[in-house]
Structure formats: C-alpha cells, structure tokens
C-alpha atoms as a PDB file:
ATOM      1  CA  MET A   1      -1.432 -20.214 -12.634  1.00  0.00           C
ATOM      2  CA  PRO A   2      -2.506 -17.591 -10.104  1.00  0.00           C
ATOM      3  CA  LEU A   3      -0.687 -15.784  -7.360  1.00  0.00           C
ATOM      4  CA  THR A   4      -1.871 -16.777  -3.887  1.00  0.00           C
ATOM      5  CA  VAL A   5      -1.928 -13.991  -1.274  1.00  0.00           C
ATOM      6  CA  HIS A   6      -1.967 -14.862   2.425  1.00  0.00           C
ATOM      7  CA  GLN A   7      -2.863 -11.809   4.524  1.00  0.00           C
ATOM      8  CA  PHE A   8      -2.611 -11.548   8.307  1.00  0.00           C
ATOM      9  CA  PRO A   9      -2.661  -8.765  10.928  1.00  0.00           C
ATOM     10  CA  CYS A  10       0.463  -7.858  12.893  1.00  0.00           C
ATOM     11  CA  LEU A  11       1.773  -5.085  15.141  1.00  0.00           C
ATOM     12  CA  SER A  12      -1.017  -2.672  16.126  1.00  0.00           C
ATOM     13  CA  ASP A  13      -2.561  -2.014  12.715  1.00  0.00           C
ATOM     14  CA  ASN A  14      -0.254  -3.457  10.020  1.00  0.00           C
ATOM     15  CA  TYR A  15      -1.024  -6.257   7.625  1.00  0.00           C
ATOM     16  CA  GLY A  16       1.542  -8.828   6.584  1.00  0.00           C
ATOM     17  CA  PHE A  17       1.414 -10.441   3.141  1.00  0.00           C
ATOM     18  CA  LEU A  18       2.971 -13.736   2.090  1.00  0.00           C
ATOM     19  CA  ILE A  19       2.594 -14.558  -1.587  1.00  0.00           C
ATOM     20  CA  ARG A  20       3.125 -17.738  -3.594  1.00  0.00           C
ATOM     21  CA  ASP A  21       3.496 -18.190  -7.333  1.00  0.00           C
ATOM     22  CA  GLU A  22       1.485 -21.364  -7.793  1.00  0.00           C
ATOM     23  CA  ALA A  23       3.190 -22.370 -11.034  1.00  0.00           C
ATOM     24  CA  SER A  24       6.639 -22.589  -9.447  1.00  0.00           C
ATOM     25  CA  GLY A  25       5.988 -22.681  -5.700  1.00  0.00           C
ATOM     26  CA  LYS A  26       8.246 -19.638  -5.251  1.00  0.00           C
ATOM     27  CA  THR A  27       7.253 -17.431  -2.312  1.00  0.00           C
ATOM     28  CA  ALA A  28       7.830 -13.869  -1.154  1.00  0.00           C
ATOM     29  CA  CYS A  29       7.012 -11.579   1.720  1.00  0.00           C
ATOM     30  CA  ILE A  30       5.771  -8.055   1.050  1.00  0.00           C
ATOM     31  CA  ASP A  31       7.637  -5.949   3.617  1.00  0.00           C
ATOM     32  CA  THR A  32       8.653  -7.229   7.057  1.00  0.00           C
ATOM     33  CA  PRO A  33       6.615  -5.440   9.737  1.00  0.00           C
ATOM     34  CA  ASP A  34       6.963  -8.216  12.332  1.00  0.00           C
ATOM     35  CA  ALA A  35       9.611 -10.900  11.816  1.00  0.00           C
ATOM     36  CA  ALA A  36       8.260 -13.258  14.487  1.00  0.00           C
ATOM     37  CA  ALA A  37       4.717 -13.119  13.102  1.00  0.00           C
ATOM     38  CA  ILE A  38       5.917 -13.668   9.540  1.00  0.00           C
ATOM     39  CA  LEU A  39       8.049 -16.652  10.503  1.00  0.00           C
ATOM     40  CA  ARG A  40       5.097 -18.163  12.404  1.00  0.00           C
ATOM     41  CA  GLU A  41       2.825 -17.758   9.377  1.00  0.00           C
ATOM     42  CA  LEU A  42       5.415 -19.371   7.113  1.00  0.00           C
ATOM     43  CA  GLU A  43       5.646 -22.346   9.482  1.00  0.00           C
ATOM     44  CA  THR A  44       1.858 -22.672   9.662  1.00  0.00           C
ATOM     45  CA  LEU A  45       1.582 -22.605   5.870  1.00  0.00           C
ATOM     46  CA  GLY A  46       4.531 -24.943   5.394  1.00  0.00           C
ATOM     47  CA  TRP A  47       6.163 -22.459   3.046  1.00  0.00           C
ATOM     48  CA  GLY A  48       9.788 -21.565   2.627  1.00  0.00           C
ATOM     49  CA  LEU A  49      10.700 -18.025   1.641  1.00  0.00           C
ATOM     50  CA  ASP A  50      12.578 -17.023  -1.492  1.00  0.00           C
ATOM     51  CA  MET A  51      12.336 -13.241  -1.433  1.00  0.00           C
ATOM     52  CA  ILE A  52      11.424 -10.146   0.545  1.00  0.00           C
ATOM     53  CA  LEU A  53       9.909  -7.319  -1.521  1.00  0.00           C
ATOM     54  CA  ASN A  54      10.241  -4.041   0.366  1.00  0.00           C
ATOM     55  CA  THR A  55       8.184  -0.964  -0.527  1.00  0.00           C
ATOM     56  CA  HIS A  56      10.119   1.560   1.606  1.00  0.00           C
ATOM     57  CA  TRP A  57      12.565   1.920   4.450  1.00  0.00           C
ATOM     58  CA  HIS A  58      10.363   2.555   7.499  1.00  0.00           C
ATOM     59  CA  PRO A  59      10.961   0.087  10.367  1.00  0.00           C
ATOM     60  CA  ASP A  60       7.406  -1.267  10.247  1.00  0.00           C
ATOM     61  CA  HIS A  61       8.112  -2.259   6.634  1.00  0.00           C
ATOM     62  CA  ALA A  62      11.780  -3.272   6.567  1.00  0.00           C
ATOM     63  CA  GLY A  63      12.644  -3.743  10.221  1.00  0.00           C
ATOM     64  CA  GLY A  64      12.329  -7.524  10.082  1.00  0.00           C
ATOM     65  CA  ASN A  65      14.562  -7.989   7.036  1.00  0.00           C
ATOM     66  CA  ALA A  66      17.695  -9.159   8.843  1.00  0.00           C
ATOM     67  CA  ASP A  67      15.985 -11.667  11.143  1.00  0.00           C
ATOM     68  CA  ILE A  68      13.903 -13.166   8.350  1.00  0.00           C
ATOM     69  CA  GLN A  69      16.852 -13.447   5.974  1.00  0.00           C
ATOM     70  CA  ALA A  70      18.937 -15.088   8.707  1.00  0.00           C
ATOM     71  CA  LYS A  71      16.236 -17.714   9.289  1.00  0.00           C
ATOM     72  CA  THR A  72      15.233 -18.380   5.668  1.00  0.00           C
ATOM     73  CA  GLY A  73      18.178 -17.385   3.451  1.00  0.00           C
ATOM     74  CA  CYS A  74      15.850 -15.345   1.239  1.00  0.00           C
ATOM     75  CA  ALA A  75      16.969 -12.513  -1.038  1.00  0.00           C
ATOM     76  CA  ILE A  76      15.969  -8.937  -0.190  1.00  0.00           C
ATOM     77  CA  VAL A  77      14.707  -6.677  -2.981  1.00  0.00           C
ATOM     78  CA  GLY A  78      13.654  -3.054  -2.609  1.00  0.00           C
ATOM     79  CA  PRO A  79      14.374   0.611  -3.229  1.00  0.00           C
ATOM     80  CA  GLY A  80      17.797   1.958  -2.380  1.00  0.00           C
ATOM     81  CA  GLU A  81      16.475   3.823   0.659  1.00  0.00           C
ATOM     82  CA  VAL A  82      16.013   0.499   2.486  1.00  0.00           C
ATOM     83  CA  THR A  83      19.774   0.392   3.006  1.00  0.00           C
ATOM     84  CA  ARG A  84      19.257   3.073   5.652  1.00  0.00           C
ATOM     85  CA  ILE A  85      18.301   0.231   7.988  1.00  0.00           C
ATOM     86  CA  ALA A  86      19.207  -3.051   6.239  1.00  0.00           C
ATOM     87  CA  PRO A  87      21.280  -4.346   3.289  1.00  0.00           C
ATOM     88  CA  LEU A  88      19.685  -5.191  -0.055  1.00  0.00           C
ATOM     89  CA  ASP A  89      20.528  -8.024  -2.412  1.00  0.00           C
ATOM     90  CA  ARG A  90      18.917  -6.176  -5.318  1.00  0.00           C
ATOM     91  CA  GLU A  91      18.005  -2.502  -5.609  1.00  0.00           C
ATOM     92  CA  VAL A  92      15.009  -1.702  -7.821  1.00  0.00           C
ATOM     93  CA  LYS A  93      13.223   1.451  -8.945  1.00  0.00           C
ATOM     94  CA  GLY A  94      10.233   2.460 -11.022  1.00  0.00           C
ATOM     95  CA  GLY A  95      10.237   0.784 -14.436  1.00  0.00           C
ATOM     96  CA  ASP A  96      12.078  -2.343 -13.273  1.00  0.00           C
ATOM     97  CA  THR A  97      10.536  -5.803 -13.104  1.00  0.00           C
ATOM     98  CA  VAL A  98      10.878  -8.466 -10.443  1.00  0.00           C
ATOM     99  CA  ASP A  99      10.097 -12.100 -11.206  1.00  0.00           C
ATOM    100  CA  LEU A 100       8.801 -14.542  -8.625  1.00  0.00           C
ATOM    101  CA  GLY A 101       8.703 -17.813 -10.498  1.00  0.00           C
ATOM    102  CA  GLU A 102       6.298 -17.173 -13.386  1.00  0.00           C
ATOM    103  CA  THR A 103       4.776 -14.073 -11.773  1.00  0.00           C
ATOM    104  CA  SER A 104       6.267 -10.813 -13.008  1.00  0.00           C
ATOM    105  CA  PHE A 105       5.905  -7.638 -10.946  1.00  0.00           C
ATOM    106  CA  GLN A 106       6.172  -4.199 -12.468  1.00  0.00           C
ATOM    107  CA  VAL A 107       7.902  -1.811 -10.070  1.00  0.00           C
ATOM    108  CA  ILE A 108       6.048   1.521  -9.867  1.00  0.00           C
ATOM    109  CA  ASP A 109       7.584   4.715  -8.528  1.00  0.00           C
ATOM    110  CA  SER A 110       5.251   5.783  -5.720  1.00  0.00           C
ATOM    111  CA  GLY A 111       7.357   8.292  -3.792  1.00  0.00           C
ATOM    112  CA  GLY A 112       5.863  10.871  -1.478  1.00  0.00           C
ATOM    113  CA  HIS A 113       5.410   9.093   1.844  1.00  0.00           C
ATOM    114  CA  THR A 114       9.143   8.492   1.541  1.00  0.00           C
ATOM    115  CA  LEU A 115      11.208   9.724  -1.379  1.00  0.00           C
ATOM    116  CA  GLY A 116      12.021   6.289  -2.785  1.00  0.00           C
ATOM    117  CA  HIS A 117       8.770   4.438  -2.027  1.00  0.00           C
ATOM    118  CA  ILE A 118       7.768   1.871  -4.657  1.00  0.00           C
ATOM    119  CA  ALA A 119       4.796  -0.386  -5.367  1.00  0.00           C
ATOM    120  CA  TYR A 120       4.659  -3.816  -7.011  1.00  0.00           C
ATOM    121  CA  PHE A 121       2.046  -4.641  -9.681  1.00  0.00           C
ATOM    122  CA  ASP A 122       1.284  -8.115 -11.016  1.00  0.00           C
ATOM    123  CA  GLY A 123      -0.438  -7.303 -14.289  1.00  0.00           C
ATOM    124  CA  THR A 124      -1.505 -10.861 -15.042  1.00  0.00           C
ATOM    125  CA  ASP A 125      -3.448 -11.312 -11.823  1.00  0.00           C
ATOM    126  CA  ARG A 126      -4.131  -7.571 -11.458  1.00  0.00           C
ATOM    127  CA  ILE A 127      -2.793  -7.346  -7.936  1.00  0.00           C
ATOM    128  CA  ALA A 128      -0.895  -4.368  -6.505  1.00  0.00           C
ATOM    129  CA  PHE A 129       1.037  -4.087  -3.247  1.00  0.00           C
ATOM    130  CA  VAL A 130       1.192  -0.380  -2.493  1.00  0.00           C
ATOM    131  CA  GLY A 131       2.736  -0.106   0.982  1.00  0.00           C
ATOM    132  CA  ASP A 132       1.907   3.271   2.514  1.00  0.00           C
ATOM    133  CA  THR A 133       1.186   5.225  -0.690  1.00  0.00           C
ATOM    134  CA  LEU A 134      -2.501   4.446  -1.194  1.00  0.00           C
ATOM    135  CA  PHE A 135      -4.848   3.296   1.565  1.00  0.00           C
ATOM    136  CA  ALA A 136      -8.498   2.340   1.505  1.00  0.00           C
ATOM    137  CA  LEU A 137     -10.063   5.850   1.488  1.00  0.00           C
ATOM    138  CA  GLY A 138      -6.668   7.366   2.281  1.00  0.00           C
ATOM    139  CA  CYS A 139      -3.042   7.934   1.361  1.00  0.00           C
ATOM    140  CA  GLY A 140       0.217   8.086   3.259  1.00  0.00           C
ATOM    141  CA  ARG A 141       1.468  11.130   5.123  1.00  0.00           C
ATOM    142  CA  LEU A 142       4.099  13.170   3.323  1.00  0.00           C
ATOM    143  CA  PHE A 143       7.026  12.492   5.620  1.00  0.00           C
ATOM    144  CA  GLU A 144       9.647  13.141   2.938  1.00  0.00           C
ATOM    145  CA  GLY A 145       8.021  14.026  -0.364  1.00  0.00           C
ATOM    146  CA  THR A 146       5.999  16.924  -1.729  1.00  0.00           C
ATOM    147  CA  PRO A 147       2.303  17.100  -2.649  1.00  0.00           C
ATOM    148  CA  GLU A 148       3.336  17.185  -6.307  1.00  0.00           C
ATOM    149  CA  GLN A 149       5.371  13.986  -5.966  1.00  0.00           C
ATOM    150  CA  MET A 150       2.619  12.153  -4.113  1.00  0.00           C
ATOM    151  CA  TRP A 151      -0.077  13.328  -6.513  1.00  0.00           C
ATOM    152  CA  ASP A 152       1.968  12.022  -9.443  1.00  0.00           C
ATOM    153  CA  SER A 153       2.453   8.704  -7.613  1.00  0.00           C
ATOM    154  CA  LEU A 154      -1.252   8.374  -6.904  1.00  0.00           C
ATOM    155  CA  GLN A 155      -2.015   9.064 -10.565  1.00  0.00           C
ATOM    156  CA  ARG A 156       0.301   6.236 -11.609  1.00  0.00           C
ATOM    157  CA  LEU A 157      -1.621   3.875  -9.327  1.00  0.00           C
ATOM    158  CA  ALA A 158      -4.989   5.254 -10.460  1.00  0.00           C
ATOM    159  CA  ALA A 159      -3.991   4.432 -14.045  1.00  0.00           C
ATOM    160  CA  LEU A 160      -3.965   0.701 -13.235  1.00  0.00           C
ATOM    161  CA  PRO A 161      -7.041  -1.274 -14.315  1.00  0.00           C
ATOM    162  CA  ASP A 162     -10.109  -0.558 -12.175  1.00  0.00           C
ATOM    163  CA  ASP A 163     -10.405  -4.214 -11.168  1.00  0.00           C
ATOM    164  CA  THR A 164      -6.861  -4.279  -9.739  1.00  0.00           C
ATOM    165  CA  THR A 165      -6.895  -5.667  -6.197  1.00  0.00           C
ATOM    166  CA  VAL A 166      -4.971  -3.299  -3.938  1.00  0.00           C
ATOM    167  CA  TYR A 167      -3.211  -4.523  -0.806  1.00  0.00           C
ATOM    168  CA  CYS A 168      -2.250  -1.611   1.446  1.00  0.00           C
ATOM    169  CA  ALA A 169      -0.249  -2.008   4.605  1.00  0.00           C
ATOM    170  CA  HIS A 170      -2.495  -0.684   7.390  1.00  0.00           C
ATOM    171  CA  GLU A 171      -6.038  -0.935   8.749  1.00  0.00           C
ATOM    172  CA  TYR A 172      -6.742   2.807   8.779  1.00  0.00           C
ATOM    173  CA  THR A 173     -10.015   2.707   6.880  1.00  0.00           C
ATOM    174  CA  ALA A 174     -12.544   3.706   9.549  1.00  0.00           C
ATOM    175  CA  SER A 175     -10.492   6.781  10.465  1.00  0.00           C
ATOM    176  CA  ASN A 176     -10.034   7.577   6.794  1.00  0.00           C
ATOM    177  CA  ALA A 177     -13.795   7.259   6.244  1.00  0.00           C
ATOM    178  CA  ARG A 178     -14.573   9.739   9.024  1.00  0.00           C
ATOM    179  CA  PHE A 179     -12.273  12.283   7.408  1.00  0.00           C
ATOM    180  CA  ALA A 180     -13.606  11.583   3.910  1.00  0.00           C
ATOM    181  CA  LEU A 181     -17.148  12.316   5.057  1.00  0.00           C
ATOM    182  CA  SER A 182     -15.994  15.705   6.336  1.00  0.00           C
ATOM    183  CA  VAL A 183     -14.972  16.865   2.844  1.00  0.00           C
ATOM    184  CA  ASP A 184     -17.182  14.817   0.502  1.00  0.00           C
ATOM    185  CA  ASP A 185     -20.916  14.157   0.640  1.00  0.00           C
ATOM    186  CA  SER A 186     -21.194  11.911  -2.399  1.00  0.00           C
ATOM    187  CA  PRO A 187     -23.742   9.073  -2.113  1.00  0.00           C
ATOM    188  CA  ALA A 188     -21.116   6.512  -3.102  1.00  0.00           C
ATOM    189  CA  LEU A 189     -18.875   7.565  -0.234  1.00  0.00           C
ATOM    190  CA  LYS A 190     -21.734   7.581   2.274  1.00  0.00           C
ATOM    191  CA  ASP A 191     -22.696   4.046   1.267  1.00  0.00           C
ATOM    192  CA  ARG A 192     -19.114   2.820   1.459  1.00  0.00           C
ATOM    193  CA  ALA A 193     -18.485   4.478   4.816  1.00  0.00           C
ATOM    194  CA  ALA A 194     -21.568   2.814   6.300  1.00  0.00           C
ATOM    195  CA  GLN A 195     -20.292  -0.572   5.108  1.00  0.00           C
ATOM    196  CA  ILE A 196     -16.833   0.128   6.548  1.00  0.00           C
ATOM    197  CA  PHE A 197     -18.135   1.134   9.972  1.00  0.00           C
ATOM    198  CA  ALA A 198     -20.323  -1.981  10.094  1.00  0.00           C
ATOM    199  CA  ALA A 199     -17.412  -4.210   9.039  1.00  0.00           C
ATOM    200  CA  ARG A 200     -15.127  -2.795  11.695  1.00  0.00           C
ATOM    201  CA  GLU A 201     -17.824  -3.290  14.341  1.00  0.00           C
ATOM    202  CA  ARG A 202     -17.690  -6.965  13.346  1.00  0.00           C
ATOM    203  CA  ASP A 203     -13.860  -6.829  13.532  1.00  0.00           C
ATOM    204  CA  GLU A 204     -13.615  -7.556   9.809  1.00  0.00           C
ATOM    205  CA  TRP A 205     -10.765  -6.368   7.597  1.00  0.00           C
ATOM    206  CA  THR A 206     -11.321  -3.611   5.037  1.00  0.00           C
ATOM    207  CA  VAL A 207      -8.203  -4.518   3.042  1.00  0.00           C
ATOM    208  CA  PRO A 208      -7.845  -5.299   0.160  1.00  0.00           C
ATOM    209  CA  THR A 209      -9.649  -2.692  -1.905  1.00  0.00           C
ATOM    210  CA  THR A 210      -9.689  -2.007  -5.662  1.00  0.00           C
ATOM    211  CA  ILE A 211      -8.473   0.804  -7.859  1.00  0.00           C
ATOM    212  CA  GLY A 212     -11.992   1.412  -9.167  1.00  0.00           C
ATOM    213  CA  LEU A 213     -13.463   1.706  -5.676  1.00  0.00           C
ATOM    214  CA  GLU A 214     -10.736   4.142  -4.616  1.00  0.00           C
ATOM    215  CA  LYS A 215     -11.193   6.292  -7.721  1.00  0.00           C
ATOM    216  CA  ALA A 216     -14.909   6.521  -6.945  1.00  0.00           C
ATOM    217  CA  THR A 217     -14.682   7.332  -3.231  1.00  0.00           C
ATOM    218  CA  ASN A 218     -11.149   8.152  -2.019  1.00  0.00           C
ATOM    219  CA  PRO A 219     -10.899  11.914  -1.298  1.00  0.00           C
ATOM    220  CA  PHE A 220      -7.205  11.978  -2.176  1.00  0.00           C
ATOM    221  CA  LEU A 221      -7.853  10.633  -5.669  1.00  0.00           C
ATOM    222  CA  ARG A 222     -10.904  12.912  -5.953  1.00  0.00           C
ATOM    223  CA  ALA A 223      -9.043  15.988  -4.678  1.00  0.00           C
ATOM    224  CA  PRO A 224      -9.624  18.194  -7.766  1.00  0.00           C
ATOM    225  CA  LEU A 225     -13.390  17.690  -7.348  1.00  0.00           C
ATOM    226  CA  LEU A 226     -13.184  18.654  -3.675  1.00  0.00           C
ATOM    227  CA  ALA A 227     -10.891  21.667  -4.082  1.00  0.00           C
ATOM    228  CA  GLY A 228     -13.566  24.189  -3.172  1.00  0.00           C
ATOM    229  CA  LYS A 229     -14.223  22.461   0.142  1.00  0.00           C
ATOM    230  CA  VAL A 230     -10.577  22.702   1.238  1.00  0.00           C
ATOM    231  CA  GLY A 231      -9.832  26.236   0.086  1.00  0.00           C
ATOM    232  CA  ALA A 232      -8.121  25.312  -3.174  1.00  0.00           C
ATOM    233  CA  ALA A 233     -10.738  26.234  -5.773  1.00  0.00           C
ATOM    234  CA  GLY A 234      -9.174  26.997  -9.137  1.00  0.00           C
ATOM    235  CA  GLN A 235      -5.776  25.669  -8.077  1.00  0.00           C
ATOM    236  CA  PRO A 236      -3.747  22.958  -9.881  1.00  0.00           C
ATOM    237  CA  ASP A 237      -4.669  19.360  -9.102  1.00  0.00           C
ATOM    238  CA  ALA A 238      -1.535  18.767  -7.003  1.00  0.00           C
ATOM    239  CA  THR A 239      -2.309  21.881  -4.958  1.00  0.00           C
ATOM    240  CA  ALA A 240      -5.847  20.641  -4.351  1.00  0.00           C
ATOM    241  CA  PHE A 241      -4.413  17.293  -3.286  1.00  0.00           C
ATOM    242  CA  GLY A 242      -2.010  19.055  -0.920  1.00  0.00           C
ATOM    243  CA  ALA A 243      -4.912  20.935   0.638  1.00  0.00           C
ATOM    244  CA  VAL A 244      -6.847  17.701   1.209  1.00  0.00           C
ATOM    245  CA  ARG A 245      -3.739  16.078   2.706  1.00  0.00           C
ATOM    246  CA  ALA A 246      -3.203  19.073   5.030  1.00  0.00           C
ATOM    247  CA  ALA A 247      -6.858  18.910   6.092  1.00  0.00           C
ATOM    248  CA  LYS A 248      -6.455  15.235   6.967  1.00  0.00           C
ATOM    249  CA  ASP A 249      -3.269  15.951   8.929  1.00  0.00           C
ATOM    250  CA  GLY A 250      -5.218  18.380  11.110  1.00  0.00           C
ATOM    251  CA  PHE A 251      -8.427  16.348  11.333  1.00  0.00           C
ATOM    252  CA  LYS A 252      -9.533  15.433  14.869  1.00  0.00           C
ATOM    253  CA  GLY A 253     -12.696  13.459  14.120  1.00  0.00           C
END
C-alpha cells in the first residue's frame, strides 16, 4: 500500500511533511520546523505520531523535536549532528534503512549544507525527502561542507530514478528560477521558469518536484554544462558546481 504525504506551509517559507504508511497506519514527521503547526495538522488529520525523521540539525528542521516528542511520545531518528540541539533515539547515516510500518526508507548521505545532512528515499513509492540539499531549481548553501562534498551528494540524489518525487523543505523556487535564467538559456529552463512565475502569482506551491525535472533544468545539477558561463571552463565538475554556487551566493536579481 502507498505512502501518503501531507504537505503544509509553515514559518516564512518552510514546508512541513507528515507521512503515513497506509498498510500499517504508522506515521512520521519529516523534520520539525514549527512544532505548533505540526501538532495542529496532526489533530486535524486525526493522526498520532510514531517517529520524527530529521535531515539535519538546523533549528528550522529540528527545533520542534522536544515539544513534539513531549506531546506525542514519538521516537526521534536522524544524523548524529542533531544532538547539537536535541537528543536522538536513533542515530542514522548514509547506507542505513529506517522502517515506518511496511515502508522502508534508504538513508542517503547528502552532506554539504551541513556536514551530516541526510535524505530519506522510499524506493517502492519513489519518494525522496531531501531537506536543504536539493531544491526545485536550486541547492542548499554550503554552510559547513565543501563544493566537492555537495557535488557528490547531489550526484547521489541525481542517480535516483527520474520519476522520483522530491520533497524539499523550502519555497525558494521563484528566486532560484531568476538565478537559473542568469546562467542558462536552455528552452526547457525558460519554459519551466515561466510556469513557476505564473504559479507563484497564483500563490501555488512549486514543491514537490522530480529528479528528472531537476536534471533537465536545475543549474546546480547542470553545472558542468554551464562552466564556461561562470568562469570554470575546463575545470573539474565539482569546481564548476562551486562556481555556480558562488554565483548564486552573490546574485542580487
């Protein structure tokens, strides 16, 4: 039976995700950006909560852990770095698996935004929760990791099936599209950007996305093809990625 994903906006630009394994009724929360909002959504849905799955330690991803665990008694699972702000019941890393009822998540090392960042991939339903590693038309800032680490992480995600549904944690897509158009003039990107701008005018979400769509249009996954436009012609792929990331960091559009 499938995995149900309930998505909702919270904070200024985060998304919250509550998930339910329909075969068992077991439920989990992907990160805890806003404890009050998450608890309200659980009450509205009539769901309990069995587990929190953290992607990384930042407060807008793990800051609600303690309050939610106190109210629901759920277990907290995540990378070791989460203990910087909250205890864990189970520490996981790339290569591990986490079971939610009959749904099995592969844990993928996706460090770069933070050193220990991870993603969760449900191979049966082809659903990935990627936190702040990969965004629609974007990727996370390198607060702790190197371009080489983040490039390797993005390649692990890009290796997932093209029809994988990707749930990223923020609504950054319009800003990402404006930057993407400054370094890439591909027709596919222009078409996608026009759709994104129109959707945001209608106050519609641009998350989730898919791996295939990101491979076709995301400048961070296409960095080697754009190297000449960011001063990295002839450089290794990770260097080209680093140049695109630096260009985005300084972009004012």
